[in-house]
Protein backbone atom coordinates (compact mmCIF):
# COMPACT_ATOMS: atom_id res chain seq x y z
CA MET A 1 36.33 6.16 14.36
CA ALA A 2 38.41 4.11 16.90
CA ALA A 3 38.35 0.35 16.69
CA GLU A 4 35.70 -1.59 18.44
CA HIS A 5 37.14 -2.75 22.11
CA PRO A 6 37.33 -6.58 21.81
CA GLU A 7 35.45 -6.71 25.00
CA ALA A 8 32.77 -4.89 24.02
CA ALA A 9 30.38 -7.32 22.95
CA LYS A 10 30.80 -9.78 25.99
CA GLN A 11 30.13 -6.66 28.30
CA LEU A 12 27.20 -6.01 26.54
CA SER A 13 26.07 -9.87 26.85
CA VAL A 14 26.45 -9.54 30.68
CA VAL A 15 24.15 -6.58 30.52
CA ALA A 16 21.73 -7.97 28.31
CA GLU A 17 21.88 -11.05 30.33
CA ASN A 18 21.20 -9.05 33.85
CA VAL A 19 18.80 -6.86 32.98
CA GLY A 20 16.78 -9.77 31.22
CA SER A 21 16.76 -11.53 34.35
CA HIS A 22 14.12 -8.15 35.55
CA LEU A 23 12.14 -8.86 31.95
CA SER A 24 9.12 -8.03 33.37
CA GLU A 25 9.64 -5.35 35.95
CA VAL A 26 11.65 -3.49 32.81
CA SER A 27 8.91 -3.99 30.56
CA ARG A 28 6.12 -2.70 32.95
CA ASP A 29 8.39 0.34 33.76
CA ILE A 30 8.66 1.28 30.28
CA VAL A 31 4.98 0.90 29.33
CA GLU A 32 4.31 3.28 33.03
CA HIS A 33 7.13 5.54 31.03
CA VAL A 34 5.41 5.78 27.91
CA THR A 35 1.85 6.09 28.75
CA ALA A 36 3.02 8.89 31.41
CA LYS A 37 4.86 10.75 28.33
CA VAL A 38 2.02 10.50 25.95
CA PRO A 39 -1.30 11.28 27.32
CA GLU A 40 -3.33 9.99 23.99
CA LEU A 41 -2.56 6.76 25.01
CA ARG A 42 -4.14 6.89 28.39
CA GLY A 43 -7.98 5.41 28.73
CA GLU A 44 -7.68 2.95 25.88
CA ALA A 45 -7.35 -0.22 27.74
CA THR A 46 -7.17 -2.44 24.54
CA VAL A 47 -4.32 -0.21 23.19
CA ILE A 48 -2.75 -0.25 26.63
CA LYS A 49 -2.55 -4.20 26.80
CA ILE A 50 -1.56 -4.23 22.96
CA LEU A 51 1.21 -1.63 24.20
CA GLN A 52 2.48 -3.97 27.09
CA ALA A 53 2.90 -7.08 24.76
CA SER A 54 4.46 -4.87 21.84
CA ILE A 55 7.07 -3.30 24.79
CA ALA A 56 7.49 -6.67 26.15
CA GLU A 57 8.32 -8.35 22.74
CA ASN A 58 10.55 -5.40 21.60
CA VAL A 59 12.46 -5.45 24.80
CA ALA A 60 13.28 -9.43 24.68
CA THR A 61 14.29 -9.24 21.13
CA LEU A 62 16.85 -6.45 21.53
CA LEU A 63 18.31 -7.99 24.34
CA HIS A 64 18.42 -11.09 22.53
CA VAL A 65 20.66 -9.05 20.23
CA PHE A 66 22.73 -8.08 22.76
CA GLU A 67 23.51 -10.93 24.30
CA ASN A 68 23.83 -12.93 21.26
CA ASP A 69 25.81 -10.74 19.10
CA ILE A 70 22.89 -11.11 16.33
CA SER A 71 23.29 -9.19 13.32
CA LEU A 72 20.48 -6.92 12.77
CA ASP A 73 19.64 -8.18 8.87
CA ASN A 74 18.52 -11.36 10.48
CA VAL A 75 16.01 -9.45 13.30
CA GLU A 76 12.14 -8.82 12.17
CA GLY A 77 9.86 -6.71 14.26
CA PRO A 78 7.78 -8.68 16.49
CA ALA A 79 4.29 -9.08 15.71
CA ALA A 80 2.71 -7.41 18.33
CA TYR A 81 4.41 -4.21 17.73
CA PHE A 82 2.73 -4.38 14.10
CA GLU A 83 -0.87 -5.25 15.94
CA TYR A 84 -0.20 -2.20 17.99
CA ALA A 85 0.14 0.12 15.15
CA ARG A 86 -2.72 -1.56 13.54
CA ARG A 87 -4.95 -1.04 16.41
CA LEU A 88 -3.86 2.79 16.57
CA ALA A 89 -4.55 3.19 13.09
CA GLN A 90 -8.06 1.69 13.62
CA ARG A 91 -8.66 4.21 16.70
CA ASP A 92 -7.72 7.25 14.85
CA ILE A 93 -4.88 7.83 16.78
CA PRO A 94 -2.06 9.86 14.77
CA LEU A 95 0.95 8.22 13.57
CA SER A 96 3.01 10.97 15.51
CA VAL A 97 1.82 9.45 18.72
CA MET A 98 3.29 6.00 17.90
CA THR A 99 6.37 7.66 17.09
CA ARG A 100 6.28 9.51 20.02
CA ALA A 101 6.00 6.74 21.98
CA HIS A 102 8.41 4.70 20.53
CA ARG A 103 11.29 7.09 20.94
CA PHE A 104 10.25 7.56 24.77
CA GLY A 105 10.26 3.67 25.45
CA HIS A 106 13.41 3.36 23.45
CA LEU A 107 15.04 6.17 25.93
CA ARG A 108 13.80 4.23 28.76
CA PHE A 109 14.95 0.70 27.64
CA LEU A 110 18.48 2.49 27.38
CA GLU A 111 18.60 3.94 30.74
CA TRP A 112 18.16 0.57 32.29
CA CYS A 113 20.86 -0.96 30.25
CA LEU A 114 23.11 2.10 31.01
CA ASP A 115 22.67 1.76 34.61
CA GLU A 116 23.58 -2.24 34.58
CA LEU A 117 26.65 -1.17 32.54
CA ASP A 118 27.51 1.36 35.05
CA ARG A 119 26.92 -1.16 37.83
CA GLN A 120 29.69 -3.41 36.04
CA GLY A 121 32.39 -1.09 36.76
CA ALA A 122 34.21 -1.51 33.64
CA ASP A 123 37.10 0.62 33.12
CA TYR A 124 36.60 3.75 30.89
CA GLU A 125 37.46 2.44 27.56
CA LEU A 126 35.30 -0.65 27.93
CA PHE A 127 32.39 1.25 29.35
CA THR A 128 32.48 3.65 26.22
CA ALA A 129 33.18 1.12 23.73
CA THR A 130 30.38 -1.07 24.95
CA HIS A 131 27.78 2.10 25.36
CA ARG A 132 28.84 3.10 21.60
CA ARG A 133 27.95 -0.77 20.53
CA MET A 134 24.79 -0.42 22.63
CA LEU A 135 23.36 2.57 20.64
CA GLN A 136 24.53 1.30 17.36
CA LEU A 137 22.99 -1.61 17.98
CA SER A 138 19.87 -0.34 19.65
CA PHE A 139 19.05 2.79 17.13
CA GLY A 140 19.66 -0.12 13.96
CA TYR A 141 16.99 -2.06 15.59
CA SER A 142 14.84 0.80 16.17
CA ASP A 143 15.11 1.84 12.37
CA ARG A 144 14.63 -1.56 11.12
CA VAL A 145 11.41 -2.10 13.26
CA ALA A 146 10.20 1.28 12.53
CA GLU A 147 9.98 1.84 9.30
CA PRO A 148 7.39 -1.60 8.43
CA ALA A 149 5.43 -0.51 11.46
CA THR A 150 4.79 2.73 10.12
CA LEU A 151 3.87 0.98 6.85
CA VAL A 152 1.44 -1.19 8.66
CA TYR A 153 -0.36 1.50 9.94
CA GLN A 154 -0.70 3.74 6.81
CA GLN A 155 -2.24 0.27 5.14
CA GLU A 156 -4.44 -0.10 8.20
CA ARG A 157 -5.70 3.42 8.15
CA ASP A 158 -5.87 3.39 4.87
CA HIS A 159 -8.18 -0.01 4.95
CA TRP A 160 -10.03 1.16 7.73
CA LEU A 161 -11.00 4.63 6.34
CA LEU A 162 -12.65 2.83 3.41
CA GLY A 163 -14.57 0.36 5.33
CA GLN A 164 -15.79 3.14 7.64
CA THR A 165 -16.78 5.47 5.31
CA ALA A 166 -18.24 3.20 2.67
CA ALA A 167 -22.10 3.86 3.83
CA ARG A 168 -21.36 7.11 4.16
CA ALA A 169 -19.90 7.56 0.58
CA ALA A 170 -23.25 5.75 -0.69
CA ARG A 171 -25.45 8.24 1.19
CA VAL A 172 -23.52 11.17 -0.33
CA ARG A 173 -23.69 9.67 -3.89
CA ASP A 174 -27.55 9.50 -3.44
CA LEU A 175 -27.35 13.36 -2.09
CA LEU A 176 -25.56 14.47 -4.98
CA ALA A 177 -27.96 12.70 -7.40
CA GLU A 178 -31.49 13.25 -5.87
CA LYS A 179 -33.38 16.35 -6.39
CA ASP A 180 -35.85 15.83 -3.42
CA VAL A 181 -33.99 15.35 -0.07
CA ASP A 182 -34.91 14.87 3.66
CA LEU A 183 -32.28 17.19 5.02
CA ASN A 184 -33.00 15.97 8.46
CA TRP A 185 -32.46 12.50 7.64
CA ALA A 186 -29.67 13.18 5.55
CA GLU A 187 -27.94 15.57 8.14
CA ARG A 188 -28.16 12.27 10.95
CA ALA A 189 -27.19 9.85 8.25
CA LEU A 190 -23.94 12.13 7.59
CA GLY A 191 -23.20 13.78 11.06
CA TYR A 192 -22.83 16.91 9.14
CA ARG A 193 -24.94 19.72 9.06
CA LEU A 194 -26.46 20.71 5.51
CA ARG A 195 -27.99 23.78 6.17
CA GLN A 196 -24.77 25.89 5.89
CA HIS A 197 -22.24 27.18 3.37
CA HIS A 198 -19.92 24.70 2.32
CA LEU A 199 -16.72 24.24 0.40
CA GLY A 200 -16.15 21.53 -2.10
CA LEU A 201 -12.96 20.10 -2.08
CA VAL A 202 -11.28 17.04 -4.43
CA ALA A 203 -7.39 15.81 -3.21
CA TRP A 204 -5.38 13.35 -4.58
CA LEU A 205 -2.42 11.98 -4.74
CA PRO A 206 -0.10 11.51 -8.13
CA THR A 207 0.77 7.76 -7.23
CA LEU A 208 0.20 5.63 -4.58
CA THR A 209 3.81 4.38 -2.92
CA GLY A 210 5.20 2.88 0.58
CA GLU A 211 6.28 6.02 1.75
CA GLY A 212 3.25 7.41 3.19
CA ALA A 213 0.87 7.66 0.65
CA GLY A 214 -2.84 7.06 0.99
CA LEU A 215 -5.65 8.11 2.32
CA ALA A 216 -4.52 9.06 5.86
CA ARG A 217 -2.35 11.62 4.23
CA LEU A 218 -5.26 12.86 2.28
CA ASP A 219 -7.59 12.71 5.57
CA ARG A 220 -5.18 14.39 7.24
CA ILE A 221 -4.45 17.58 5.03
CA THR A 222 -8.37 17.91 4.50
CA ASN A 223 -8.54 18.75 8.54
CA GLU A 224 -5.37 21.06 8.22
CA ILE A 225 -7.04 23.01 5.75
CA GLY A 226 -10.00 22.83 7.90
CA ARG A 227 -8.39 24.23 10.60
CA GLU A 228 -6.40 26.92 8.78
CA LEU A 229 -9.66 28.30 7.76
CA ASP A 230 -11.16 27.99 11.06
CA CYS A 231 -13.85 25.79 10.12
CA PRO A 232 -16.70 25.55 12.72
CA ALA A 233 -16.46 21.68 12.55
CA GLY A 234 -14.90 18.73 11.13
CA PRO A 235 -14.97 18.31 7.26
CA LEU A 236 -17.19 15.47 5.44
CA ILE A 237 -14.77 13.16 3.89
CA VAL A 238 -15.59 10.60 1.36
CA PRO A 239 -12.71 8.53 0.06
CA ARG A 240 -13.21 7.79 -3.55
CA ASP A 241 -10.08 5.32 -3.53
CA ALA A 242 -6.65 4.66 -2.15
CA VAL A 243 -5.29 8.10 -3.62
CA LEU A 244 -8.25 9.97 -4.25
CA SER A 245 -11.06 11.63 -2.14
CA TRP A 246 -13.89 14.37 -1.72
CA ALA A 247 -14.69 16.28 1.07
CA TRP A 248 -16.85 19.22 2.19
CA LEU A 249 -15.64 22.21 4.55
CA PRO A 250 -18.18 23.93 6.81
CA PHE A 251 -18.25 27.18 6.82
CA GLY A 252 -21.65 27.98 9.04
CA SER A 253 -22.67 31.37 8.20
CA ARG A 254 -19.31 32.51 6.23
CA ASN A 255 -19.18 32.66 2.63
CA GLU A 256 -16.06 33.71 1.81
CA VAL A 257 -12.58 31.56 1.95
CA SER A 258 -8.90 32.46 1.44
CA SER A 259 -7.33 30.94 -1.14
CA GLU A 260 -4.12 32.07 -0.11
CA GLN A 261 -4.50 30.31 3.22
CA VAL A 262 -5.65 27.04 1.55
CA SER A 263 -3.08 27.05 -1.13
CA ASN A 264 -0.08 27.42 1.87
CA VAL A 265 -1.30 24.33 3.64
CA VAL A 266 -1.20 22.42 0.06
CA GLU A 267 2.40 23.78 -0.60
CA ARG A 268 3.67 22.71 2.50
CA SER A 269 2.58 19.08 1.89
CA GLY A 270 4.47 19.13 -1.14
CA SER A 271 2.98 16.39 -2.70
CA VAL A 272 -0.77 16.58 -2.27
CA HIS A 273 -3.06 17.84 -5.24
CA VAL A 274 -6.02 19.76 -3.99
CA CYS A 275 -8.49 21.39 -5.87
CA VAL A 276 -12.13 23.78 -4.51
CA GLY A 277 -15.10 25.12 -5.80
CA SER A 278 -16.50 28.09 -4.37
CA VAL A 279 -18.59 28.43 -1.32
CA GLY A 280 -22.41 27.60 -1.83
CA TYR A 281 -25.32 27.26 0.68
CA GLY A 282 -27.49 24.85 1.53
CA ILE A 283 -27.98 21.24 -0.56
CA GLU A 284 -27.62 23.13 -3.76
CA GLY A 285 -24.58 24.76 -2.73
CA PHE A 286 -23.30 21.40 -1.23
CA ARG A 287 -24.08 19.91 -5.05
CA SER A 288 -22.63 22.87 -6.98
CA THR A 289 -19.25 23.24 -4.75
CA HIS A 290 -18.65 19.97 -5.62
CA ARG A 291 -19.04 19.96 -9.08
CA GLN A 292 -16.92 22.91 -9.59
CA ALA A 293 -13.94 21.25 -7.48
CA LEU A 294 -14.69 17.91 -9.70
CA ARG A 295 -14.40 20.48 -13.06
CA THR A 296 -11.27 22.17 -11.90
CA GLN A 297 -9.59 19.00 -10.83
CA GLU A 298 -10.25 17.65 -14.35
CA LEU A 299 -8.60 20.44 -15.57
CA ALA A 300 -5.78 20.17 -13.09
CA ALA A 301 -5.36 16.64 -14.01
CA VAL A 302 -4.28 17.11 -17.97
CA ALA A 303 -2.05 20.46 -16.95
CA SER A 304 1.39 20.04 -17.21
CA PRO A 305 3.18 20.53 -15.07
CA VAL A 306 0.03 19.57 -12.60
CA PRO A 307 -0.50 22.21 -9.86
CA LEU A 308 -0.60 21.25 -6.60
CA PHE A 309 -3.69 23.80 -5.59
CA THR A 310 -6.19 25.05 -7.94
CA ASN A 311 -9.12 27.25 -7.19
CA PHE A 312 -12.27 26.96 -9.51
CA SER A 313 -12.52 30.72 -9.27
CA THR A 314 -9.39 31.49 -10.87
CA VAL A 315 -9.48 28.75 -13.83
CA ALA A 316 -13.77 28.92 -13.83
CA PRO A 317 -13.93 29.90 -17.76
CA VAL A 318 -11.46 27.39 -18.72
CA ALA A 319 -12.59 24.59 -16.56
CA LEU A 320 -16.10 24.83 -18.04
CA MET A 321 -14.90 24.81 -21.44
CA ALA A 322 -12.35 22.03 -20.87
CA THR A 323 -14.64 19.14 -22.20
CA ASN A 324 -12.50 17.87 -24.39
CA VAL A 325 -8.68 19.04 -24.33
CA ASP A 326 -8.07 18.12 -28.12
CA ASP A 327 -10.63 20.57 -29.14
CA MET A 328 -9.39 22.87 -26.97
CA ARG A 329 -5.89 23.10 -27.89
CA ALA A 330 -7.13 23.38 -31.44
CA TRP A 331 -9.16 26.22 -30.37
CA VAL A 332 -6.06 27.86 -28.60
CA TRP A 333 -3.91 27.42 -31.97
CA GLY A 334 -6.49 29.06 -33.67
CA VAL A 335 -6.72 32.04 -31.70
CA LEU A 336 -3.15 32.55 -30.82
CA GLY A 337 -1.12 31.20 -33.87
CA PRO A 338 2.47 31.25 -33.86
CA LEU A 339 2.07 32.51 -30.56
CA ALA A 340 1.40 29.32 -28.99
CA ILE A 341 5.15 28.02 -29.20
CA ASP A 342 6.43 26.39 -26.09
CA ASP A 343 9.61 28.56 -25.88
CA GLU A 344 10.91 31.29 -23.42
CA ASN A 345 10.31 33.83 -25.86
CA CYS A 346 6.71 33.55 -26.92
CA ALA A 347 5.90 32.87 -23.23
CA ARG A 348 7.16 36.31 -22.15
CA LEU A 349 5.26 37.72 -24.91
CA ARG A 350 2.24 35.90 -23.83
CA GLU A 351 2.53 36.69 -20.22
CA THR A 352 2.90 40.48 -21.23
CA ALA A 353 0.12 40.34 -23.62
CA GLN A 354 -2.35 38.91 -20.95
CA ILE A 355 -1.31 41.55 -18.05
CA PHE A 356 -2.08 44.12 -21.06
CA LEU A 357 -5.39 42.95 -21.62
CA ASN A 358 -6.04 42.55 -17.80
CA THR A 359 -5.03 46.02 -17.03
CA GLY A 360 -7.65 47.51 -19.62
CA CYS A 361 -4.73 47.85 -22.74
CA SER A 362 -2.66 50.03 -20.35
CA TYR A 363 1.17 50.12 -21.07
CA THR A 364 1.89 52.10 -17.94
CA ALA A 365 -0.01 49.98 -15.51
CA THR A 366 1.28 46.79 -17.49
CA ALA A 367 5.27 47.98 -16.93
CA SER A 368 4.31 48.48 -13.63
CA ALA A 369 3.03 45.14 -12.82
CA GLN A 370 5.94 43.43 -14.68
CA ILE A 371 8.56 45.93 -13.26
CA LEU A 372 9.44 46.86 -17.08
CA HIS A 373 10.26 49.90 -18.85
CA LYS A 374 6.93 51.38 -20.56
CA ASN A 375 8.99 50.92 -23.96
CA THR A 376 9.80 47.22 -23.53
CA VAL A 377 6.01 46.45 -22.87
CA GLN A 378 5.26 48.67 -26.04
CA TYR A 379 8.06 46.42 -28.09
CA ARG A 380 6.52 43.15 -26.57
CA ILE A 381 2.97 43.71 -27.52
CA ARG A 382 4.12 45.02 -30.96
CA LYS A 383 6.33 41.82 -31.35
CA ALA A 384 3.08 39.72 -29.98
CA GLU A 385 0.70 41.09 -32.72
CA GLN A 386 3.21 40.60 -35.33
CA ILE A 387 3.60 36.96 -34.41
CA MET A 388 -0.21 36.76 -34.35
CA GLY A 389 -0.87 38.67 -37.35
CA HIS A 390 -3.45 40.63 -35.71
CA PRO A 391 -3.54 43.45 -33.09
CA VAL A 392 -3.99 42.30 -29.38
CA GLN A 393 -7.44 44.42 -28.76
CA LYS A 394 -9.02 42.28 -31.85
CA GLY A 395 -10.89 39.21 -30.33
CA HIS A 396 -10.36 40.78 -27.10
CA SER A 397 -12.38 38.16 -25.31
CA ASP A 398 -11.06 35.04 -27.19
CA LEU A 399 -7.31 36.05 -26.68
CA GLU A 400 -7.87 36.97 -22.80
CA VAL A 401 -9.61 33.18 -22.45
CA ALA A 402 -7.12 31.53 -24.59
CA LEU A 403 -4.06 33.27 -22.52
CA ARG A 404 -5.65 32.39 -19.66
CA ALA A 405 -5.88 28.67 -20.63
CA VAL A 406 -2.19 28.50 -21.55
CA GLN A 407 -1.60 30.20 -17.99
CA TYR A 408 -3.11 26.98 -16.32
CA LEU A 409 -2.54 23.99 -18.70
CA GLY A 410 0.67 25.17 -19.98
CA SER A 411 2.38 22.83 -22.54
CA THR A 412 -0.37 20.55 -22.65
CA LEU A 413 -2.12 23.41 -25.14
CA LEU A 414 0.86 24.55 -26.82
CA ARG A 415 2.99 23.57 -29.97
CA THR A 416 6.51 22.34 -29.89
CA SER A 417 7.26 23.91 -33.28
CA PRO A 418 5.41 26.11 -35.98
CA ALA A 419 2.74 24.57 -37.74
């Protein structure tokens, strides 16, 4: 990269001084540009007012940096910008709106500065060097203030959600515990229709970090799942703490759910864990699908590794029996014997044995499912039987459940070496 022009800092200082002499006009123009480009901000008088203050302070701060050659290490974001982030969070305006507004505002500010630089009539080398310095400082400043503002937004969003839903959470707890419920009252209190089909959901984050974790993320993925499943209305979401929430997705008259669609949304998130129950109807269905989601979450939480998505219908037998993991581990060891070793060879044999049982003990169907030769399947089954000390068909039901438990809980139920 070419060395910086010795006059670039001075030239940028002149640009900043001249633009700063029109600070009110510049700020007003940027506000108008931002609200024209980001329609989600319109109609919110309070938000517009704090946006004006935020833009004015950001412009003044950055012009001060330009004019006085101040190191960005010594610059903090203006208070009005952080207050603006809080107001957006409180009004349920998405973080993406704040990000877009920031980009459009930054662009408009640079246009003012470039127009002024052009008016100075500097030669090509000085113009280019000043332009480069302007971009380096403005984008450096933008990066420096955007991250803490995003954190302020997320923290406020989490705090607001907790406060906003405290009363709703109490009503839901009563609803889950009480046998006799006035459905008309409950529906009005919750803003959610109970006389329909529901899908219970538990969503959580493995840990709370400063990188976007929190209730806002859980809220966002729950709504994404609802949209993916074409739910007729928004979900009922009840935060439990800063990293865990319960939810019910309304299905109206439908009583089926596509696990694949839910799984796709969760997999895209990359970090949010989700468990769902089975679709249920009415107040009893509201309770049962929630209990199933909770049992599934308890199971998923002790799995190794913890899956991103688990559907109750695929782990129901395991989830219902997994009240004590230590007892379950002992039972699995008793059923599988030395086949419960956590190594690659036993894993292959367990997988083949499980598919063999699922296909009605058909060597041909198992070979087709695993894309193996039939002789390979026969060898693996014989090997599994030798290791366990009994035929695969003996204790068929127990073996099938034990293999399924290992499939979902992984090394949590396995031995590291023979007993």
